[in-house]
Amino acid sequence: MSALLETLRRRRSTPANKLAEPGPDGEALADMLTIAARVPDHGKLAPWRFVVIAGEARARLGETIEKAFVADKPQASAEERAIERGRLARAPLVVAVVSRARPHAKIPEWEQVLSAGAVCQNLLLAAEAHGFGANWITDWIAFDRRILDAMGLAAHERIAGFVHIGTATERMPDRPRPALEDVVTRL
């Protein structure tokens, strides 16, 4: 059996709060992002990009997240505020995969969005192959314009996912998967 098939069979998301230091170094991250970018991309548009959130950037963006949360929920408890402030600090590294889908004469926007989703999946697989745990999350912050603006996203850009990456503190058990007879139709 190939190593690739084994990686695909064992891949399992690790909750972000179970991802610890060390995270990937610069060389490993560059390789992961290179692998993530090797996805179907009709028209070679690269309708996605990466925002790497590491080190102090996690705390700075966390303060912005907390402010937006409190603006919407002024009665928030100190514990709720701390959770929001730490939302991107649960793992050593977070990569925001940004969908840049736009109208195009030949390439439907839907295909461009799917390409960004494939980037997220490839990034999960690359992290696994490098020996890291990872989790693809959106949360409310992926849809809040205040957060997107703070991250430098253009008006047409959207978050396909925040991929949290680090060293898994424990191997998660597999979850039930759908039976093929429940999800496969043959014509």
C-alpha atoms as a PDB file:
ATOM      1  CA  MET A   1       0.000   0.000   0.000  1.00  0.00           C
ATOM      2  CA  SER A   2       1.336   3.442  -0.852  1.00  0.00           C
ATOM      3  CA  ALA A   3       2.109   6.021   1.821  1.00  0.00           C
ATOM      4  CA  LEU A   4      -0.360   8.369   0.142  1.00  0.00           C
ATOM      5  CA  LEU A   5      -3.224   5.893   0.471  1.00  0.00           C
ATOM      6  CA  GLU A   6      -2.341   5.309   4.109  1.00  0.00           C
ATOM      7  CA  THR A   7      -2.330   9.066   4.776  1.00  0.00           C
ATOM      8  CA  LEU A   8      -5.712   9.434   3.073  1.00  0.00           C
ATOM      9  CA  ARG A   9      -7.176   6.548   5.073  1.00  0.00           C
ATOM     10  CA  ARG A  10      -5.992   7.786   8.464  1.00  0.00           C
ATOM     11  CA  ARG A  11      -6.576  11.537   8.040  1.00  0.00           C
ATOM     12  CA  ARG A  12      -8.635  12.842  10.905  1.00  0.00           C
ATOM     13  CA  SER A  13      -9.280  16.381  12.038  1.00  0.00           C
ATOM     14  CA  THR A  14      -7.744  17.320  15.365  1.00  0.00           C
ATOM     15  CA  PRO A  15      -9.713  19.873  17.398  1.00  0.00           C
ATOM     16  CA  ALA A  16      -7.908  23.216  17.400  1.00  0.00           C
ATOM     17  CA  ASN A  17      -7.615  23.161  21.195  1.00  0.00           C
ATOM     18  CA  LYS A  18      -5.672  19.890  20.931  1.00  0.00           C
ATOM     19  CA  LEU A  19      -2.997  21.402  18.679  1.00  0.00           C
ATOM     20  CA  ALA A  20       0.170  22.481  20.490  1.00  0.00           C
ATOM     21  CA  GLU A  21       3.680  23.679  19.737  1.00  0.00           C
ATOM     22  CA  PRO A  22       5.634  23.057  17.744  1.00  0.00           C
ATOM     23  CA  GLY A  23       3.901  24.145  14.611  1.00  0.00           C
ATOM     24  CA  PRO A  24       5.497  23.815  11.200  1.00  0.00           C
ATOM     25  CA  ASP A  25       8.691  25.736  10.562  1.00  0.00           C
ATOM     26  CA  GLY A  26       9.067  27.991   7.521  1.00  0.00           C
ATOM     27  CA  GLU A  27      10.278  25.224   5.226  1.00  0.00           C
ATOM     28  CA  ALA A  28       7.502  22.808   6.202  1.00  0.00           C
ATOM     29  CA  LEU A  29       4.872  25.543   5.884  1.00  0.00           C
ATOM     30  CA  ALA A  30       6.155  26.529   2.433  1.00  0.00           C
ATOM     31  CA  ASP A  31       5.901  22.893   1.353  1.00  0.00           C
ATOM     32  CA  MET A  32       2.383  22.584   2.781  1.00  0.00           C
ATOM     33  CA  LEU A  33       1.224  25.719   0.972  1.00  0.00           C
ATOM     34  CA  THR A  34       2.829  24.516  -2.268  1.00  0.00           C
ATOM     35  CA  ILE A  35       0.955  21.217  -1.922  1.00  0.00           C
ATOM     36  CA  ALA A  36      -2.264  23.039  -1.005  1.00  0.00           C
ATOM     37  CA  ALA A  37      -2.030  25.072  -4.206  1.00  0.00           C
ATOM     38  CA  ARG A  38      -1.850  21.931  -6.398  1.00  0.00           C
ATOM     39  CA  VAL A  39      -5.592  21.703  -6.931  1.00  0.00           C
ATOM     40  CA  PRO A  40      -7.906  21.660  -9.930  1.00  0.00           C
ATOM     41  CA  ASP A  41      -8.021  25.238 -11.163  1.00  0.00           C
ATOM     42  CA  HIS A  42      -9.955  25.609 -14.411  1.00  0.00           C
ATOM     43  CA  GLY A  43      -8.452  28.494 -16.350  1.00  0.00           C
ATOM     44  CA  LYS A  44      -5.392  28.721 -14.084  1.00  0.00           C
ATOM     45  CA  LEU A  45      -7.013  31.609 -12.211  1.00  0.00           C
ATOM     46  CA  ALA A  46      -5.671  30.769  -8.719  1.00  0.00           C
ATOM     47  CA  PRO A  47      -9.022  31.915  -7.324  1.00  0.00           C
ATOM     48  CA  TRP A  48      -7.693  31.689  -3.765  1.00  0.00           C
ATOM     49  CA  ARG A  49      -4.828  32.952  -1.652  1.00  0.00           C
ATOM     50  CA  PHE A  50      -3.365  32.370   1.796  1.00  0.00           C
ATOM     51  CA  VAL A  51      -3.165  34.567   4.889  1.00  0.00           C
ATOM     52  CA  VAL A  52      -0.731  33.090   7.415  1.00  0.00           C
ATOM     53  CA  ILE A  53      -1.616  33.983  11.000  1.00  0.00           C
ATOM     54  CA  ALA A  54       1.217  33.121  13.380  1.00  0.00           C
ATOM     55  CA  GLY A  55       2.983  34.448  16.446  1.00  0.00           C
ATOM     56  CA  GLU A  56       1.765  37.800  17.713  1.00  0.00           C
ATOM     57  CA  ALA A  57      -0.567  38.213  14.734  1.00  0.00           C
ATOM     58  CA  ARG A  58      -2.879  35.673  16.395  1.00  0.00           C
ATOM     59  CA  ALA A  59      -3.205  37.919  19.466  1.00  0.00           C
ATOM     60  CA  ARG A  60      -3.572  41.130  17.441  1.00  0.00           C
ATOM     61  CA  LEU A  61      -6.354  39.653  15.333  1.00  0.00           C
ATOM     62  CA  GLY A  62      -7.814  38.139  18.504  1.00  0.00           C
ATOM     63  CA  GLU A  63      -8.253  41.635  19.947  1.00  0.00           C
ATOM     64  CA  THR A  64     -10.148  42.657  16.802  1.00  0.00           C
ATOM     65  CA  ILE A  65     -12.335  39.565  17.076  1.00  0.00           C
ATOM     66  CA  GLU A  66     -13.086  40.311  20.728  1.00  0.00           C
ATOM     67  CA  LYS A  67     -14.033  43.938  19.934  1.00  0.00           C
ATOM     68  CA  ALA A  68     -16.415  42.842  17.177  1.00  0.00           C
ATOM     69  CA  PHE A  69     -17.937  40.213  19.457  1.00  0.00           C
ATOM     70  CA  VAL A  70     -18.459  42.693  22.308  1.00  0.00           C
ATOM     71  CA  ALA A  71     -19.937  45.260  19.912  1.00  0.00           C
ATOM     72  CA  ASP A  72     -22.603  42.699  19.034  1.00  0.00           C
ATOM     73  CA  LYS A  73     -22.919  41.264  22.533  1.00  0.00           C
ATOM     74  CA  PRO A  74     -22.065  43.962  25.089  1.00  0.00           C
ATOM     75  CA  GLN A  75     -23.294  41.778  27.948  1.00  0.00           C
ATOM     76  CA  ALA A  76     -20.617  39.143  27.156  1.00  0.00           C
ATOM     77  CA  SER A  77     -18.906  37.664  30.183  1.00  0.00           C
ATOM     78  CA  ALA A  78     -15.164  37.840  30.733  1.00  0.00           C
ATOM     79  CA  GLU A  79     -14.995  34.128  29.882  1.00  0.00           C
ATOM     80  CA  GLU A  80     -16.837  34.620  26.577  1.00  0.00           C
ATOM     81  CA  ARG A  81     -14.567  37.539  25.716  1.00  0.00           C
ATOM     82  CA  ALA A  82     -11.473  35.442  26.438  1.00  0.00           C
ATOM     83  CA  ILE A  83     -12.763  32.640  24.198  1.00  0.00           C
ATOM     84  CA  GLU A  84     -13.253  35.050  21.308  1.00  0.00           C
ATOM     85  CA  ARG A  85      -9.902  36.767  21.895  1.00  0.00           C
ATOM     86  CA  GLY A  86      -8.200  33.354  21.793  1.00  0.00           C
ATOM     87  CA  ARG A  87     -10.116  31.975  18.811  1.00  0.00           C
ATOM     88  CA  LEU A  88      -7.044  32.063  16.529  1.00  0.00           C
ATOM     89  CA  ALA A  89      -4.528  31.270  19.282  1.00  0.00           C
ATOM     90  CA  ARG A  90      -5.657  27.701  19.925  1.00  0.00           C
ATOM     91  CA  ALA A  91      -3.069  26.297  17.494  1.00  0.00           C
ATOM     92  CA  PRO A  92       0.478  27.506  16.829  1.00  0.00           C
ATOM     93  CA  LEU A  93      -0.407  28.447  13.257  1.00  0.00           C
ATOM     94  CA  VAL A  94      -3.560  29.322  11.359  1.00  0.00           C
ATOM     95  CA  VAL A  95      -3.755  29.614   7.593  1.00  0.00           C
ATOM     96  CA  ALA A  96      -6.767  31.465   6.275  1.00  0.00           C
ATOM     97  CA  VAL A  97      -7.646  30.199   2.820  1.00  0.00           C
ATOM     98  CA  VAL A  98      -9.247  33.092   0.992  1.00  0.00           C
ATOM     99  CA  SER A  99     -11.589  32.489  -1.933  1.00  0.00           C
ATOM    100  CA  ARG A 100     -11.102  35.108  -4.665  1.00  0.00           C
ATOM    101  CA  ALA A 101     -13.875  33.820  -6.931  1.00  0.00           C
ATOM    102  CA  ARG A 102     -14.999  36.422  -9.439  1.00  0.00           C
ATOM    103  CA  PRO A 103     -17.201  36.554 -12.491  1.00  0.00           C
ATOM    104  CA  HIS A 104     -15.367  35.180 -15.515  1.00  0.00           C
ATOM    105  CA  ALA A 105     -16.448  34.725 -19.122  1.00  0.00           C
ATOM    106  CA  LYS A 106     -15.623  31.010 -19.177  1.00  0.00           C
ATOM    107  CA  ILE A 107     -15.067  29.807 -15.605  1.00  0.00           C
ATOM    108  CA  PRO A 108     -18.157  29.670 -13.363  1.00  0.00           C
ATOM    109  CA  GLU A 109     -17.705  31.198  -9.915  1.00  0.00           C
ATOM    110  CA  TRP A 110     -18.895  27.917  -8.396  1.00  0.00           C
ATOM    111  CA  GLU A 111     -15.871  26.107  -9.875  1.00  0.00           C
ATOM    112  CA  GLN A 112     -13.597  28.768  -8.406  1.00  0.00           C
ATOM    113  CA  VAL A 113     -15.170  28.367  -4.962  1.00  0.00           C
ATOM    114  CA  LEU A 114     -14.774  24.597  -5.178  1.00  0.00           C
ATOM    115  CA  SER A 115     -11.107  25.092  -6.027  1.00  0.00           C
ATOM    116  CA  ALA A 116     -10.666  27.058  -2.773  1.00  0.00           C
ATOM    117  CA  GLY A 117     -12.314  24.190  -0.889  1.00  0.00           C
ATOM    118  CA  ALA A 118      -9.889  21.786  -2.519  1.00  0.00           C
ATOM    119  CA  VAL A 119      -7.032  24.007  -1.304  1.00  0.00           C
ATOM    120  CA  CYS A 120      -8.301  23.605   2.278  1.00  0.00           C
ATOM    121  CA  GLN A 121      -8.457  19.812   1.905  1.00  0.00           C
ATOM    122  CA  ASN A 122      -4.985  19.642   0.358  1.00  0.00           C
ATOM    123  CA  LEU A 123      -3.650  21.733   3.226  1.00  0.00           C
ATOM    124  CA  LEU A 124      -5.142  19.284   5.737  1.00  0.00           C
ATOM    125  CA  LEU A 125      -3.534  16.386   3.888  1.00  0.00           C
ATOM    126  CA  ALA A 126      -0.176  18.164   3.631  1.00  0.00           C
ATOM    127  CA  ALA A 127      -0.211  18.873   7.378  1.00  0.00           C
ATOM    128  CA  GLU A 128      -0.979  15.199   8.071  1.00  0.00           C
ATOM    129  CA  ALA A 129       1.802  14.059   5.748  1.00  0.00           C
ATOM    130  CA  HIS A 130       4.227  16.372   7.582  1.00  0.00           C
ATOM    131  CA  GLY A 131       3.221  14.799  10.895  1.00  0.00           C
ATOM    132  CA  PHE A 132       1.001  17.628  12.153  1.00  0.00           C
ATOM    133  CA  GLY A 133      -2.598  17.721  13.232  1.00  0.00           C
ATOM    134  CA  ALA A 134      -4.957  20.169  11.559  1.00  0.00           C
ATOM    135  CA  ASN A 135      -8.541  21.357  11.574  1.00  0.00           C
ATOM    136  CA  TRP A 136     -10.537  23.279   8.945  1.00  0.00           C
ATOM    137  CA  ILE A 137     -12.854  25.726  10.705  1.00  0.00           C
ATOM    138  CA  THR A 138     -14.889  28.735   9.669  1.00  0.00           C
ATOM    139  CA  ASP A 139     -16.709  30.020  12.785  1.00  0.00           C
ATOM    140  CA  TRP A 140     -18.629  33.300  12.718  1.00  0.00           C
ATOM    141  CA  ILE A 141     -15.433  35.254  12.099  1.00  0.00           C
ATOM    142  CA  ALA A 142     -15.224  33.892   8.562  1.00  0.00           C
ATOM    143  CA  PHE A 143     -18.417  35.754   7.680  1.00  0.00           C
ATOM    144  CA  ASP A 144     -17.976  39.002   9.604  1.00  0.00           C
ATOM    145  CA  ARG A 145     -16.924  41.912   7.409  1.00  0.00           C
ATOM    146  CA  ARG A 146     -15.148  43.662  10.296  1.00  0.00           C
ATOM    147  CA  ILE A 147     -12.817  40.690  10.683  1.00  0.00           C
ATOM    148  CA  LEU A 148     -12.340  40.287   6.937  1.00  0.00           C
ATOM    149  CA  ASP A 149     -11.444  43.977   6.651  1.00  0.00           C
ATOM    150  CA  ALA A 150      -8.932  43.664   9.512  1.00  0.00           C
ATOM    151  CA  MET A 151      -7.337  40.766   7.622  1.00  0.00           C
ATOM    152  CA  GLY A 152      -7.045  42.851   4.449  1.00  0.00           C
ATOM    153  CA  LEU A 153      -9.613  40.971   2.363  1.00  0.00           C
ATOM    154  CA  ALA A 154     -11.070  42.765  -0.637  1.00  0.00           C
ATOM    155  CA  ALA A 155     -14.835  43.245  -0.869  1.00  0.00           C
ATOM    156  CA  HIS A 156     -15.252  40.237  -3.196  1.00  0.00           C
ATOM    157  CA  GLU A 157     -13.038  37.882  -1.127  1.00  0.00           C
ATOM    158  CA  ARG A 158     -14.390  35.343   1.350  1.00  0.00           C
ATOM    159  CA  ILE A 159     -12.870  32.926   3.825  1.00  0.00           C
ATOM    160  CA  ALA A 160     -13.047  29.333   2.608  1.00  0.00           C
ATOM    161  CA  GLY A 161     -11.615  28.209   5.923  1.00  0.00           C
ATOM    162  CA  PHE A 162      -9.224  28.812   8.761  1.00  0.00           C
ATOM    163  CA  VAL A 163      -6.893  25.812   8.839  1.00  0.00           C
ATOM    164  CA  HIS A 164      -5.401  25.436  12.318  1.00  0.00           C
ATOM    165  CA  ILE A 165      -2.106  23.500  12.322  1.00  0.00           C
ATOM    166  CA  GLY A 166       0.088  22.196  15.130  1.00  0.00           C
ATOM    167  CA  THR A 167       1.315  19.117  16.921  1.00  0.00           C
ATOM    168  CA  ALA A 168      -1.613  16.943  17.980  1.00  0.00           C
ATOM    169  CA  THR A 169      -1.616  16.370  21.730  1.00  0.00           C
ATOM    170  CA  GLU A 170      -3.606  13.198  21.160  1.00  0.00           C
ATOM    171  CA  ARG A 171      -4.728  11.103  18.207  1.00  0.00           C
ATOM    172  CA  MET A 172      -8.448  11.497  17.778  1.00  0.00           C
ATOM    173  CA  PRO A 173     -10.529   8.378  17.289  1.00  0.00           C
ATOM    174  CA  ASP A 174     -12.214   8.043  13.955  1.00  0.00           C
ATOM    175  CA  ARG A 175     -15.806   9.149  13.748  1.00  0.00           C
ATOM    176  CA  PRO A 176     -18.556   7.204  12.034  1.00  0.00           C
ATOM    177  CA  ARG A 177     -18.402   7.621   8.269  1.00  0.00           C
ATOM    178  CA  PRO A 178     -21.335   7.213   5.886  1.00  0.00           C
ATOM    179  CA  ALA A 179     -21.880   3.754   4.464  1.00  0.00           C
ATOM    180  CA  LEU A 180     -21.223   3.739   0.738  1.00  0.00           C
ATOM    181  CA  GLU A 181     -24.683   2.376   0.009  1.00  0.00           C
ATOM    182  CA  ASP A 182     -26.093   5.539   1.634  1.00  0.00           C
ATOM    183  CA  VAL A 183     -24.106   7.977  -0.487  1.00  0.00           C
ATOM    184  CA  VAL A 184     -23.489   6.242  -3.816  1.00  0.00           C
ATOM    185  CA  THR A 185     -25.968   6.150  -6.682  1.00  0.00           C
ATOM    186  CA  ARG A 186     -25.151   4.088  -9.742  1.00  0.00           C
ATOM    187  CA  LEU A 187     -26.754   4.832 -13.096  1.00  0.00           C
END
